[in-house]
Amino acid sequence: MLKRVFHLSAMLILVALPSVPQIEIRSVTGVVTDRNGNTVRGAVVQLENTASLLVVSYLTGSDGRYRFNRLYGDVDYTLKAKYQCYWSKRKTLSKFDSRKQRQIDLVIPIE
């Protein structure tokens, strides 16, 4: 009888504990190029969290690549790149895109 009460108590405690939601973490990478497909060194890629409006920047190297890690899966992000006074079109990383890693390339309208 005591054993049964113990098992029942343990089950009630486990059911009563609040469940911790699992936060999905993802990343986005890409390459910044000009209109002709040449990589752009020194472009500034901006990632904006649309919920908090926090903006994080990344400076591309000679390969034109950028990478943002540890992004929340339940938030939309916008990406854009700038080189000198030229901006790429804004692209969105949607919270409805469940891929853990996403590639979004950006094109700056220069020759």
PDB file of N, CA and C in Angstrom:
ATOM      1  N   MET A   1       0.825  -1.199   0.000  1.00  0.00           N
ATOM      2  CA  MET A   1       0.000   0.000   0.000  1.00  0.00           C
ATOM      3  C   MET A   1       0.869   1.263   0.000  1.00  0.00           C
ATOM      4  N   LEU A   2       1.899   1.259   0.835  1.00  0.00           N
ATOM      5  CA  LEU A   2       2.788   2.418   0.920  1.00  0.00           C
ATOM      6  C   LEU A   2       3.513   2.638  -0.412  1.00  0.00           C
ATOM      7  N   LYS A   3       3.864   1.552  -1.058  1.00  0.00           N
ATOM      8  CA  LYS A   3       4.539   1.633  -2.344  1.00  0.00           C
ATOM      9  C   LYS A   3       3.622   2.266  -3.392  1.00  0.00           C
ATOM     10  N   ARG A   4       2.373   1.907  -3.369  1.00  0.00           N
ATOM     11  CA  ARG A   4       1.397   2.448  -4.309  1.00  0.00           C
ATOM     12  C   ARG A   4       1.197   3.950  -4.073  1.00  0.00           C
ATOM     13  N   VAL A   5       1.129   4.365  -2.812  1.00  0.00           N
ATOM     14  CA  VAL A   5       0.982   5.790  -2.477  1.00  0.00           C
ATOM     15  C   VAL A   5       2.208   6.566  -2.957  1.00  0.00           C
ATOM     16  N   PHE A   6       3.392   5.990  -2.778  1.00  0.00           N
ATOM     17  CA  PHE A   6       4.626   6.641  -3.219  1.00  0.00           C
ATOM     18  C   PHE A   6       4.620   6.837  -4.736  1.00  0.00           C
ATOM     19  N   HIS A   7       4.251   5.805  -5.489  1.00  0.00           N
ATOM     20  CA  HIS A   7       4.199   5.906  -6.946  1.00  0.00           C
ATOM     21  C   HIS A   7       3.176   6.943  -7.396  1.00  0.00           C
ATOM     22  N   LEU A   8       2.041   6.963  -6.754  1.00  0.00           N
ATOM     23  CA  LEU A   8       1.006   7.924  -7.094  1.00  0.00           C
ATOM     24  C   LEU A   8       1.479   9.346  -6.791  1.00  0.00           C
ATOM     25  N   SER A   9       2.151   9.539  -5.663  1.00  0.00           N
ATOM     26  CA  SER A   9       2.682  10.861  -5.307  1.00  0.00           C
ATOM     27  C   SER A   9       3.738  11.311  -6.303  1.00  0.00           C
ATOM     28  N   ALA A  10       4.613  10.412  -6.686  1.00  0.00           N
ATOM     29  CA  ALA A  10       5.655  10.749  -7.660  1.00  0.00           C
ATOM     30  C   ALA A  10       5.042  11.144  -8.994  1.00  0.00           C
ATOM     31  N   MET A  11       4.017  10.449  -9.425  1.00  0.00           N
ATOM     32  CA  MET A  11       3.368  10.768 -10.687  1.00  0.00           C
ATOM     33  C   MET A  11       2.685  12.131 -10.625  1.00  0.00           C
ATOM     34  N   LEU A  12       2.054  12.439  -9.506  1.00  0.00           N
ATOM     35  CA  LEU A  12       1.385  13.737  -9.358  1.00  0.00           C
ATOM     36  C   LEU A  12       2.404  14.880  -9.376  1.00  0.00           C
ATOM     37  N   ILE A  13       3.539  14.665  -8.755  1.00  0.00           N
ATOM     38  CA  ILE A  13       4.580  15.705  -8.754  1.00  0.00           C
ATOM     39  C   ILE A  13       5.085  15.940 -10.171  1.00  0.00           C
ATOM     40  N   LEU A  14       5.336  14.877 -10.903  1.00  0.00           N
ATOM     41  CA  LEU A  14       5.826  15.026 -12.272  1.00  0.00           C
ATOM     42  C   LEU A  14       4.817  15.713 -13.171  1.00  0.00           C
ATOM     43  N   VAL A  15       3.560  15.426 -12.988  1.00  0.00           N
ATOM     44  CA  VAL A  15       2.516  16.053 -13.797  1.00  0.00           C
ATOM     45  C   VAL A  15       2.364  17.522 -13.421  1.00  0.00           C
ATOM     46  N   ALA A  16       2.558  17.845 -12.151  1.00  0.00           N
ATOM     47  CA  ALA A  16       2.366  19.213 -11.684  1.00  0.00           C
ATOM     48  C   ALA A  16       3.523  20.126 -12.051  1.00  0.00           C
ATOM     49  N   LEU A  17       4.708  19.589 -12.324  1.00  0.00           N
ATOM     50  CA  LEU A  17       5.848  20.436 -12.687  1.00  0.00           C
ATOM     51  C   LEU A  17       5.578  21.132 -14.006  1.00  0.00           C
ATOM     52  N   PRO A  18       5.903  22.414 -14.077  1.00  0.00           N
ATOM     53  CA  PRO A  18       5.680  23.114 -15.348  1.00  0.00           C
ATOM     54  C   PRO A  18       6.630  22.584 -16.408  1.00  0.00           C
ATOM     55  N   SER A  19       6.096  22.415 -17.582  1.00  0.00           N
ATOM     56  CA  SER A  19       6.948  21.934 -18.665  1.00  0.00           C
ATOM     57  C   SER A  19       7.732  23.112 -19.234  1.00  0.00           C
ATOM     58  N   VAL A  20       8.988  22.883 -19.512  1.00  0.00           N
ATOM     59  CA  VAL A  20       9.855  23.913 -20.057  1.00  0.00           C
ATOM     60  C   VAL A  20       9.808  23.807 -21.577  1.00  0.00           C
ATOM     61  N   PRO A  21       9.390  24.881 -22.231  1.00  0.00           N
ATOM     62  CA  PRO A  21       9.325  24.816 -23.691  1.00  0.00           C
ATOM     63  C   PRO A  21      10.727  24.689 -24.277  1.00  0.00           C
ATOM     64  N   GLN A  22      10.847  23.924 -25.324  1.00  0.00           N
ATOM     65  CA  GLN A  22      12.130  23.745 -25.974  1.00  0.00           C
ATOM     66  C   GLN A  22      12.282  24.810 -27.052  1.00  0.00           C
ATOM     67  N   ILE A  23      13.318  25.623 -26.928  1.00  0.00           N
ATOM     68  CA  ILE A  23      13.551  26.703 -27.876  1.00  0.00           C
ATOM     69  C   ILE A  23      14.425  26.180 -29.005  1.00  0.00           C
ATOM     70  N   GLU A  24      13.940  26.314 -30.216  1.00  0.00           N
ATOM     71  CA  GLU A  24      14.700  25.894 -31.383  1.00  0.00           C
ATOM     72  C   GLU A  24      15.749  26.953 -31.697  1.00  0.00           C
ATOM     73  N   ILE A  25      16.968  26.509 -31.923  1.00  0.00           N
ATOM     74  CA  ILE A  25      18.057  27.407 -32.280  1.00  0.00           C
ATOM     75  C   ILE A  25      18.459  27.095 -33.715  1.00  0.00           C
ATOM     76  N   ARG A  26      18.744  28.131 -34.494  1.00  0.00           N
ATOM     77  CA  ARG A  26      19.121  27.950 -35.888  1.00  0.00           C
ATOM     78  C   ARG A  26      20.204  28.948 -36.271  1.00  0.00           C
ATOM     79  N   SER A  27      20.689  28.849 -37.488  1.00  0.00           N
ATOM     80  CA  SER A  27      21.706  29.770 -37.979  1.00  0.00           C
ATOM     81  C   SER A  27      21.402  30.118 -39.437  1.00  0.00           C
ATOM     82  N   VAL A  28      22.005  31.219 -39.878  1.00  0.00           N
ATOM     83  CA  VAL A  28      21.867  31.634 -41.265  1.00  0.00           C
ATOM     84  C   VAL A  28      23.252  32.010 -41.780  1.00  0.00           C
ATOM     85  N   THR A  29      23.548  31.573 -42.995  1.00  0.00           N
ATOM     86  CA  THR A  29      24.799  31.900 -43.664  1.00  0.00           C
ATOM     87  C   THR A  29      24.476  32.403 -45.060  1.00  0.00           C
ATOM     88  N   GLY A  30      25.479  32.963 -45.700  1.00  0.00           N
ATOM     89  CA  GLY A  30      25.270  33.398 -47.070  1.00  0.00           C
ATOM     90  C   GLY A  30      26.504  34.060 -47.633  1.00  0.00           C
ATOM     91  N   VAL A  31      26.368  34.481 -48.890  1.00  0.00           N
ATOM     92  CA  VAL A  31      27.447  35.160 -49.599  1.00  0.00           C
ATOM     93  C   VAL A  31      26.890  36.467 -50.147  1.00  0.00           C
ATOM     94  N   VAL A  32      27.682  37.532 -50.023  1.00  0.00           N
ATOM     95  CA  VAL A  32      27.318  38.828 -50.584  1.00  0.00           C
ATOM     96  C   VAL A  32      28.070  38.974 -51.900  1.00  0.00           C
ATOM     97  N   THR A  33      27.317  39.233 -52.973  1.00  0.00           N
ATOM     98  CA  THR A  33      27.920  39.395 -54.293  1.00  0.00           C
ATOM     99  C   THR A  33      27.440  40.695 -54.938  1.00  0.00           C
ATOM    100  N   ASP A  34      28.147  41.074 -56.024  1.00  0.00           N
ATOM    101  CA  ASP A  34      27.668  42.190 -56.838  1.00  0.00           C
ATOM    102  C   ASP A  34      26.763  41.631 -57.936  1.00  0.00           C
ATOM    103  N   ARG A  35      26.301  42.485 -58.819  1.00  0.00           N
ATOM    104  CA  ARG A  35      25.387  42.044 -59.889  1.00  0.00           C
ATOM    105  C   ARG A  35      25.971  40.967 -60.786  1.00  0.00           C
ATOM    106  N   ASN A  36      27.301  40.983 -60.927  1.00  0.00           N
ATOM    107  CA  ASN A  36      27.976  40.034 -61.813  1.00  0.00           C
ATOM    108  C   ASN A  36      28.347  38.729 -61.122  1.00  0.00           C
ATOM    109  N   GLY A  37      28.008  38.599 -59.843  1.00  0.00           N
ATOM    110  CA  GLY A  37      28.308  37.368 -59.118  1.00  0.00           C
ATOM    111  C   GLY A  37      29.655  37.351 -58.424  1.00  0.00           C
ATOM    112  N   ASN A  38      30.374  38.467 -58.450  1.00  0.00           N
ATOM    113  CA  ASN A  38      31.660  38.555 -57.748  1.00  0.00           C
ATOM    114  C   ASN A  38      31.421  38.798 -56.267  1.00  0.00           C
ATOM    115  N   THR A  39      32.182  38.117 -55.415  1.00  0.00           N
ATOM    116  CA  THR A  39      32.005  38.310 -53.978  1.00  0.00           C
ATOM    117  C   THR A  39      32.433  39.719 -53.581  1.00  0.00           C
ATOM    118  N   VAL A  40      31.786  40.249 -52.563  1.00  0.00           N
ATOM    119  CA  VAL A  40      32.062  41.603 -52.097  1.00  0.00           C
ATOM    120  C   VAL A  40      32.751  41.526 -50.738  1.00  0.00           C
ATOM    121  N   ARG A  41      34.006  41.917 -50.714  1.00  0.00           N
ATOM    122  CA  ARG A  41      34.781  41.956 -49.469  1.00  0.00           C
ATOM    123  C   ARG A  41      34.479  43.268 -48.741  1.00  0.00           C
ATOM    124  N   GLY A  42      34.272  43.171 -47.432  1.00  0.00           N
ATOM    125  CA  GLY A  42      34.052  44.368 -46.626  1.00  0.00           C
ATOM    126  C   GLY A  42      32.622  44.867 -46.625  1.00  0.00           C
ATOM    127  N   ALA A  43      31.682  44.060 -47.078  1.00  0.00           N
ATOM    128  CA  ALA A  43      30.268  44.445 -46.995  1.00  0.00           C
ATOM    129  C   ALA A  43      29.794  44.246 -45.559  1.00  0.00           C
ATOM    130  N   VAL A  44      28.889  45.082 -45.128  1.00  0.00           N
ATOM    131  CA  VAL A  44      28.303  44.968 -43.791  1.00  0.00           C
ATOM    132  C   VAL A  44      26.941  44.306 -43.938  1.00  0.00           C
ATOM    133  N   VAL A  45      26.778  43.147 -43.313  1.00  0.00           N
ATOM    134  CA  VAL A  45      25.502  42.438 -43.333  1.00  0.00           C
ATOM    135  C   VAL A  45      24.807  42.709 -42.009  1.00  0.00           C
ATOM    136  N   GLN A  46      23.577  43.168 -42.079  1.00  0.00           N
ATOM    137  CA  GLN A  46      22.800  43.459 -40.876  1.00  0.00           C
ATOM    138  C   GLN A  46      21.669  42.453 -40.733  1.00  0.00           C
ATOM    139  N   LEU A  47      21.555  41.915 -39.526  1.00  0.00           N
ATOM    140  CA  LEU A  47      20.482  40.984 -39.168  1.00  0.00           C
ATOM    141  C   LEU A  47      19.625  41.671 -38.115  1.00  0.00           C
ATOM    142  N   GLU A  48      18.332  41.823 -38.398  1.00  0.00           N
ATOM    143  CA  GLU A  48      17.429  42.484 -37.454  1.00  0.00           C
ATOM    144  C   GLU A  48      16.405  41.497 -36.921  1.00  0.00           C
ATOM    145  N   ASN A  49      16.316  41.409 -35.607  1.00  0.00           N
ATOM    146  CA  ASN A  49      15.287  40.636 -34.926  1.00  0.00           C
ATOM    147  C   ASN A  49      14.016  41.480 -34.993  1.00  0.00           C
ATOM    148  N   THR A  50      12.982  41.004 -35.695  1.00  0.00           N
ATOM    149  CA  THR A  50      11.786  41.823 -35.890  1.00  0.00           C
ATOM    150  C   THR A  50      10.927  41.952 -34.631  1.00  0.00           C
ATOM    151  N   ALA A  51      11.173  41.110 -33.641  1.00  0.00           N
ATOM    152  CA  ALA A  51      10.412  41.202 -32.391  1.00  0.00           C
ATOM    153  C   ALA A  51      11.011  42.260 -31.469  1.00  0.00           C
ATOM    154  N   SER A  52      12.328  42.245 -31.307  1.00  0.00           N
ATOM    155  CA  SER A  52      12.983  43.169 -30.385  1.00  0.00           C
ATOM    156  C   SER A  52      13.610  44.371 -31.085  1.00  0.00           C
ATOM    157  N   LEU A  53      13.718  44.308 -32.411  1.00  0.00           N
ATOM    158  CA  LEU A  53      14.361  45.326 -33.245  1.00  0.00           C
ATOM    159  C   LEU A  53      15.874  45.427 -33.000  1.00  0.00           C
ATOM    160  N   LEU A  54      16.444  44.429 -32.354  1.00  0.00           N
ATOM    161  CA  LEU A  54      17.885  44.368 -32.147  1.00  0.00           C
ATOM    162  C   LEU A  54      18.569  44.086 -33.482  1.00  0.00           C
ATOM    163  N   VAL A  55      19.624  44.852 -33.790  1.00  0.00           N
ATOM    164  CA  VAL A  55      20.368  44.682 -35.034  1.00  0.00           C
ATOM    165  C   VAL A  55      21.787  44.250 -34.705  1.00  0.00           C
ATOM    166  N   VAL A  56      22.245  43.195 -35.409  1.00  0.00           N
ATOM    167  CA  VAL A  56      23.601  42.690 -35.264  1.00  0.00           C
ATOM    168  C   VAL A  56      24.251  42.760 -36.635  1.00  0.00           C
ATOM    169  N   SER A  57      25.545  43.119 -36.679  1.00  0.00           N
ATOM    170  CA  SER A  57      26.240  43.273 -37.953  1.00  0.00           C
ATOM    171  C   SER A  57      27.394  42.289 -38.088  1.00  0.00           C
ATOM    172  N   TYR A  58      27.737  41.999 -39.346  1.00  0.00           N
ATOM    173  CA  TYR A  58      28.847  41.111 -39.664  1.00  0.00           C
ATOM    174  C   TYR A  58      29.567  41.706 -40.868  1.00  0.00           C
ATOM    175  N   LEU A  59      30.891  41.769 -40.822  1.00  0.00           N
ATOM    176  CA  LEU A  59      31.698  42.290 -41.912  1.00  0.00           C
ATOM    177  C   LEU A  59      32.239  41.117 -42.724  1.00  0.00           C
ATOM    178  N   THR A  60      31.953  41.081 -44.027  1.00  0.00           N
ATOM    179  CA  THR A  60      32.388  39.960 -44.857  1.00  0.00           C
ATOM    180  C   THR A  60      33.889  40.018 -45.119  1.00  0.00           C
ATOM    181  N   GLY A  61      34.471  38.834 -45.287  1.00  0.00           N
ATOM    182  CA  GLY A  61      35.884  38.730 -45.640  1.00  0.00           C
ATOM    183  C   GLY A  61      36.052  38.668 -47.149  1.00  0.00           C
ATOM    184  N   SER A  62      37.220  38.205 -47.596  1.00  0.00           N
ATOM    185  CA  SER A  62      37.510  38.169 -49.035  1.00  0.00           C
ATOM    186  C   SER A  62      36.595  37.204 -49.790  1.00  0.00           C
ATOM    187  N   ASP A  63      36.032  36.227 -49.084  1.00  0.00           N
ATOM    188  CA  ASP A  63      35.125  35.273 -49.730  1.00  0.00           C
ATOM    189  C   ASP A  63      33.683  35.766 -49.773  1.00  0.00           C
ATOM    190  N   GLY A  64      33.405  36.935 -49.194  1.00  0.00           N
ATOM    191  CA  GLY A  64      32.065  37.511 -49.214  1.00  0.00           C
ATOM    192  C   GLY A  64      31.065  36.824 -48.302  1.00  0.00           C
ATOM    193  N   ARG A  65      31.540  35.896 -47.468  1.00  0.00           N
ATOM    194  CA  ARG A  65      30.634  35.099 -46.625  1.00  0.00           C
ATOM    195  C   ARG A  65      30.299  35.806 -45.312  1.00  0.00           C
ATOM    196  N   TYR A  66      29.120  35.469 -44.804  1.00  0.00           N
ATOM    197  CA  TYR A  66      28.704  35.902 -43.467  1.00  0.00           C
ATOM    198  C   TYR A  66      28.020  34.728 -42.776  1.00  0.00           C
ATOM    199  N   ARG A  67      27.895  34.830 -41.456  1.00  0.00           N
ATOM    200  CA  ARG A  67      27.243  33.779 -40.672  1.00  0.00           C
ATOM    201  C   ARG A  67      26.716  34.385 -39.370  1.00  0.00           C
ATOM    202  N   PHE A  68      25.465  34.049 -39.043  1.00  0.00           N
ATOM    203  CA  PHE A  68      24.870  34.412 -37.760  1.00  0.00           C
ATOM    204  C   PHE A  68      24.392  33.123 -37.097  1.00  0.00           C
ATOM    205  N   ASN A  69      24.840  32.892 -35.880  1.00  0.00           N
ATOM    206  CA  ASN A  69      24.500  31.674 -35.137  1.00  0.00           C
ATOM    207  C   ASN A  69      23.559  31.987 -33.979  1.00  0.00           C
ATOM    208  N   ARG A  70      23.019  30.928 -33.401  1.00  0.00           N
ATOM    209  CA  ARG A  70      22.197  31.001 -32.186  1.00  0.00           C
ATOM    210  C   ARG A  70      21.002  31.957 -32.333  1.00  0.00           C
ATOM    211  N   LEU A  71      20.274  31.775 -33.420  1.00  0.00           N
ATOM    212  CA  LEU A  71      19.061  32.563 -33.660  1.00  0.00           C
ATOM    213  C   LEU A  71      17.846  31.779 -33.176  1.00  0.00           C
ATOM    214  N   TYR A  72      16.909  32.473 -32.571  1.00  0.00           N
ATOM    215  CA  TYR A  72      15.696  31.825 -32.075  1.00  0.00           C
ATOM    216  C   TYR A  72      14.808  31.394 -33.229  1.00  0.00           C
ATOM    217  N   GLY A  73      14.246  30.209 -33.112  1.00  0.00           N
ATOM    218  CA  GLY A  73      13.399  29.666 -34.158  1.00  0.00           C
ATOM    219  C   GLY A  73      11.998  30.256 -34.199  1.00  0.00           C
ATOM    220  N   ASP A  74      11.581  30.928 -33.136  1.00  0.00           N
ATOM    221  CA  ASP A  74      10.226  31.485 -33.090  1.00  0.00           C
ATOM    222  C   ASP A  74      10.190  32.981 -33.384  1.00  0.00           C
ATOM    223  N   VAL A  75      11.233  33.487 -34.040  1.00  0.00           N
ATOM    224  CA  VAL A  75      11.331  34.915 -34.358  1.00  0.00           C
ATOM    225  C   VAL A  75      11.656  35.068 -35.838  1.00  0.00           C
ATOM    226  N   ASP A  76      11.057  36.091 -36.479  1.00  0.00           N
ATOM    227  CA  ASP A  76      11.424  36.452 -37.841  1.00  0.00           C
ATOM    228  C   ASP A  76      12.642  37.377 -37.786  1.00  0.00           C
ATOM    229  N   TYR A  77      13.510  37.241 -38.789  1.00  0.00           N
ATOM    230  CA  TYR A  77      14.681  38.111 -38.913  1.00  0.00           C
ATOM    231  C   TYR A  77      14.709  38.676 -40.326  1.00  0.00           C
ATOM    232  N   THR A  78      15.217  39.896 -40.461  1.00  0.00           N
ATOM    233  CA  THR A  78      15.456  40.453 -41.789  1.00  0.00           C
ATOM    234  C   THR A  78      16.957  40.638 -41.971  1.00  0.00           C
ATOM    235  N   LEU A  79      17.398  40.446 -43.202  1.00  0.00           N
ATOM    236  CA  LEU A  79      18.804  40.580 -43.554  1.00  0.00           C
ATOM    237  C   LEU A  79      18.946  41.568 -44.698  1.00  0.00           C
ATOM    238  N   LYS A  80      20.012  42.353 -44.655  1.00  0.00           N
ATOM    239  CA  LYS A  80      20.361  43.229 -45.765  1.00  0.00           C
ATOM    240  C   LYS A  80      21.858  43.497 -45.681  1.00  0.00           C
ATOM    241  N   ALA A  81      22.438  43.849 -46.810  1.00  0.00           N
ATOM    242  CA  ALA A  81      23.877  44.111 -46.862  1.00  0.00           C
ATOM    243  C   ALA A  81      24.126  45.486 -47.453  1.00  0.00           C
ATOM    244  N   LYS A  82      25.206  46.111 -46.978  1.00  0.00           N
ATOM    245  CA  LYS A  82      25.584  47.438 -47.470  1.00  0.00           C
ATOM    246  C   LYS A  82      27.056  47.420 -47.855  1.00  0.00           C
ATOM    247  N   TYR A  83      27.350  48.043 -48.996  1.00  0.00           N
ATOM    248  CA  TYR A  83      28.729  48.254 -49.406  1.00  0.00           C
ATOM    249  C   TYR A  83      28.811  49.670 -49.951  1.00  0.00           C
ATOM    250  N   GLN A  84      29.697  50.464 -49.358  1.00  0.00           N
ATOM    251  CA  GLN A  84      29.788  51.889 -49.640  1.00  0.00           C
ATOM    252  C   GLN A  84      28.414  52.500 -49.401  1.00  0.00           C
ATOM    253  N   CYS A  85      27.760  53.042 -50.419  1.00  0.00           N
ATOM    254  CA  CYS A  85      26.426  53.624 -50.196  1.00  0.00           C
ATOM    255  C   CYS A  85      25.322  52.803 -50.857  1.00  0.00           C
ATOM    256  N   TYR A  86      25.610  51.554 -51.202  1.00  0.00           N
ATOM    257  CA  TYR A  86      24.649  50.699 -51.896  1.00  0.00           C
ATOM    258  C   TYR A  86      24.129  49.610 -50.955  1.00  0.00           C
ATOM    259  N   TRP A  87      22.824  49.368 -51.019  1.00  0.00           N
ATOM    260  CA  TRP A  87      22.174  48.356 -50.191  1.00  0.00           C
ATOM    261  C   TRP A  87      21.606  47.235 -51.054  1.00  0.00           C
ATOM    262  N   SER A  88      21.660  46.028 -50.527  1.00  0.00           N
ATOM    263  CA  SER A  88      20.967  44.909 -51.174  1.00  0.00           C
ATOM    264  C   SER A  88      19.482  45.011 -50.858  1.00  0.00           C
ATOM    265  N   LYS A  89      18.693  44.188 -51.522  1.00  0.00           N
ATOM    266  CA  LYS A  89      17.285  44.080 -51.141  1.00  0.00           C
ATOM    267  C   LYS A  89      17.217  43.358 -49.797  1.00  0.00           C
ATOM    268  N   ARG A  90      16.209  43.698 -49.029  1.00  0.00           N
ATOM    269  CA  ARG A  90      15.985  43.066 -47.726  1.00  0.00           C
ATOM    270  C   ARG A  90      15.384  41.678 -47.934  1.00  0.00           C
ATOM    271  N   LYS A  91      15.911  40.687 -47.203  1.00  0.00           N
ATOM    272  CA  LYS A  91      15.365  39.337 -47.255  1.00  0.00           C
ATOM    273  C   LYS A  91      14.963  38.905 -45.858  1.00  0.00           C
ATOM    274  N   THR A  92      13.996  37.991 -45.777  1.00  0.00           N
ATOM    275  CA  THR A  92      13.445  37.564 -44.491  1.00  0.00           C
ATOM    276  C   THR A  92      13.767  36.110 -44.203  1.00  0.00           C
ATOM    277  N   LEU A  93      14.179  35.875 -42.971  1.00  0.00           N
ATOM    278  CA  LEU A  93      14.298  34.519 -42.433  1.00  0.00           C
ATOM    279  C   LEU A  93      13.055  34.325 -41.564  1.00  0.00           C
ATOM    280  N   SER A  94      12.118  33.540 -42.053  1.00  0.00           N
ATOM    281  CA  SER A  94      10.815  33.398 -41.407  1.00  0.00           C
ATOM    282  C   SER A  94      10.843  32.388 -40.268  1.00  0.00           C
ATOM    283  N   LYS A  95      10.059  32.669 -39.239  1.00  0.00           N
ATOM    284  CA  LYS A  95       9.911  31.722 -38.131  1.00  0.00           C
ATOM    285  C   LYS A  95       9.186  30.455 -38.583  1.00  0.00           C
ATOM    286  N   PHE A  96       8.520  30.503 -39.728  1.00  0.00           N
ATOM    287  CA  PHE A  96       7.825  29.332 -40.248  1.00  0.00           C
ATOM    288  C   PHE A  96       8.756  28.412 -41.045  1.00  0.00           C
ATOM    289  N   ASP A  97       9.985  28.858 -41.271  1.00  0.00           N
ATOM    290  CA  ASP A  97      11.002  28.039 -41.927  1.00  0.00           C
ATOM    291  C   ASP A  97      11.704  27.243 -40.834  1.00  0.00           C
ATOM    292  N   SER A  98      11.452  25.949 -40.776  1.00  0.00           N
ATOM    293  CA  SER A  98      11.925  25.126 -39.653  1.00  0.00           C
ATOM    294  C   SER A  98      13.330  24.558 -39.849  1.00  0.00           C
ATOM    295  N   ARG A  99      14.002  24.911 -40.939  1.00  0.00           N
ATOM    296  CA  ARG A  99      15.358  24.398 -41.145  1.00  0.00           C
ATOM    297  C   ARG A  99      16.312  24.956 -40.096  1.00  0.00           C
ATOM    298  N   LYS A 100      17.212  24.117 -39.618  1.00  0.00           N
ATOM    299  CA  LYS A 100      18.177  24.525 -38.580  1.00  0.00           C
ATOM    300  C   LYS A 100      19.245  25.453 -39.144  1.00  0.00           C
ATOM    301  N   GLN A 101      19.596  25.241 -40.398  1.00  0.00           N
ATOM    302  CA  GLN A 101      20.585  26.099 -41.044  1.00  0.00           C
ATOM    303  C   GLN A 101      20.032  26.543 -42.386  1.00  0.00           C
ATOM    304  N   ARG A 102      20.122  27.820 -42.640  1.00  0.00           N
ATOM    305  CA  ARG A 102      19.547  28.409 -43.854  1.00  0.00           C
ATOM    306  C   ARG A 102      20.605  29.212 -44.578  1.00  0.00           C
ATOM    307  N   GLN A 103      20.616  29.168 -45.880  1.00  0.00           N
ATOM    308  CA  GLN A 103      21.522  29.986 -46.686  1.00  0.00           C
ATOM    309  C   GLN A 103      20.701  31.048 -47.391  1.00  0.00           C
ATOM    310  N   ILE A 104      21.079  32.311 -47.178  1.00  0.00           N
ATOM    311  CA  ILE A 104      20.433  33.437 -47.842  1.00  0.00           C
ATOM    312  C   ILE A 104      21.540  34.309 -48.432  1.00  0.00           C
ATOM    313  N   ASP A 105      21.627  34.333 -49.748  1.00  0.00           N
ATOM    314  CA  ASP A 105      22.628  35.134 -50.430  1.00  0.00           C
ATOM    315  C   ASP A 105      22.054  36.517 -50.716  1.00  0.00           C
ATOM    316  N   LEU A 106      22.913  37.515 -50.663  1.00  0.00           N
ATOM    317  CA  LEU A 106      22.496  38.901 -50.866  1.00  0.00           C
ATOM    318  C   LEU A 106      23.275  39.502 -52.034  1.00  0.00           C
ATOM    319  N   VAL A 107      22.586  40.292 -52.860  1.00  0.00           N
ATOM    320  CA  VAL A 107      23.210  40.914 -54.024  1.00  0.00           C
ATOM    321  C   VAL A 107      23.163  42.427 -53.855  1.00  0.00           C
ATOM    322  N   ILE A 108      24.342  43.053 -53.953  1.00  0.00           N
ATOM    323  CA  ILE A 108      24.429  44.510 -53.886  1.00  0.00           C
ATOM    324  C   ILE A 108      24.481  45.033 -55.325  1.00  0.00           C
ATOM    325  N   PRO A 109      23.644  46.000 -55.665  1.00  0.00           N
ATOM    326  CA  PRO A 109      23.535  46.447 -57.063  1.00  0.00           C
ATOM    327  C   PRO A 109      24.711  47.326 -57.512  1.00  0.00           C
ATOM    328  N   ILE A 110      25.905  46.744 -57.553  1.00  0.00           N
ATOM    329  CA  ILE A 110      27.081  47.412 -58.097  1.00  0.00           C
ATOM    330  C   ILE A 110      27.707  46.523 -59.156  1.00  0.00           C
ATOM    331  N   GLU A 111      28.555  47.066 -59.969  1.00  0.00           N
ATOM    332  CA  GLU A 111      29.217  46.269 -61.016  1.00  0.00           C
ATOM    333  C   GLU A 111      30.642  45.974 -60.618  1.00  0.00           C
TER     334      GLU A 111
END
